[in-house]
């Protein structure tokens, strides 16, 4: 397995979109449209979709359109 790396700002935003703490996770691999991350304490691995959006992203976009 590759050595975990620090997250970039964009990757931190993707983790927060998935309601995950950026302090608890490190990057293993950038798979194009997915991120493979590992929990620093438990070693659990997750694969996250980069293109998923959250309700807060949608609300922000709608608020800008209404203005």
Protein backbone atom coordinates (compact mmCIF):
# COMPACT_ATOMS: atom_id res chain seq x y z
CA UNK A 1 0.00 0.00 0.00
CA UNK A 2 1.18 3.51 -0.77
CA UNK A 3 2.14 5.89 2.02
CA UNK A 4 -0.75 8.27 2.94
CA UNK A 5 -0.32 11.91 1.87
CA UNK A 6 -1.61 15.22 3.20
CA UNK A 7 -4.83 16.49 1.62
CA UNK A 8 -4.92 19.52 -0.69
CA UNK A 9 -7.53 22.24 -0.22
CA UNK A 10 -9.72 20.81 -2.99
CA UNK A 11 -9.51 17.33 -1.46
CA UNK A 12 -10.42 18.73 1.97
CA UNK A 13 -13.51 20.33 0.44
CA UNK A 14 -14.52 16.98 -1.08
CA UNK A 15 -14.16 15.29 2.33
CA UNK A 16 -16.23 17.99 4.03
CA UNK A 17 -18.90 17.52 1.31
CA UNK A 18 -19.09 13.92 2.53
CA UNK A 19 -19.38 15.13 6.16
CA UNK A 20 -15.97 13.72 7.08
CA UNK A 21 -13.35 15.36 9.29
CA UNK A 22 -10.23 16.34 7.34
CA UNK A 23 -8.11 15.87 10.48
CA UNK A 24 -8.98 12.17 10.65
CA UNK A 25 -8.32 11.20 7.00
CA UNK A 26 -5.28 11.08 4.68
CA UNK A 27 -5.07 10.56 0.93
CA UNK A 28 -3.91 7.21 -0.41
CA UNK A 29 -4.61 7.72 -4.10
CA UNK A 30 -6.36 10.11 -6.49
CA UNK A 31 -8.29 7.88 -8.91
CA UNK A 32 -9.48 10.54 -11.36
CA UNK A 33 -13.12 11.01 -10.40
CA UNK A 34 -12.65 9.32 -7.00
CA UNK A 35 -10.44 9.76 -3.93
CA UNK A 36 -9.14 6.83 -1.95
CA UNK A 37 -8.65 7.91 1.68
CA UNK A 38 -7.60 6.17 4.89
CA UNK A 39 -8.58 6.91 8.48
CA UNK A 40 -5.46 7.81 10.45
CA UNK A 41 -6.62 6.09 13.65
CA UNK A 42 -8.51 2.99 12.52
CA UNK A 43 -6.92 2.31 9.12
CA UNK A 44 -10.36 2.08 7.48
CA UNK A 45 -10.26 2.86 3.73
CA UNK A 46 -13.02 4.69 1.87
CA UNK A 47 -13.46 5.66 -1.78
CA UNK A 48 -15.22 9.01 -2.29
CA UNK A 49 -16.87 10.39 -5.42
CA UNK A 50 -15.43 13.83 -6.27
CA UNK A 51 -18.56 14.95 -8.10
CA UNK A 52 -21.10 14.34 -5.35
CA UNK A 53 -22.79 17.49 -4.09
CA UNK A 54 -24.35 18.30 -0.77
CA UNK A 55 -27.45 20.22 0.23
CA UNK A 56 -25.34 23.22 1.28
CA UNK A 57 -23.82 23.39 -2.21
CA UNK A 58 -27.28 23.34 -3.79
CA UNK A 59 -28.63 25.98 -1.37
CA UNK A 60 -25.68 28.26 -2.10
CA UNK A 61 -26.20 27.90 -5.87
CA UNK A 62 -29.94 28.59 -5.61
CA UNK A 63 -29.34 31.63 -3.39
CA UNK A 64 -27.00 33.09 -6.01
CA UNK A 65 -29.58 32.53 -8.77
CA UNK A 66 -32.37 34.20 -6.79
CA UNK A 67 -30.34 37.36 -6.21
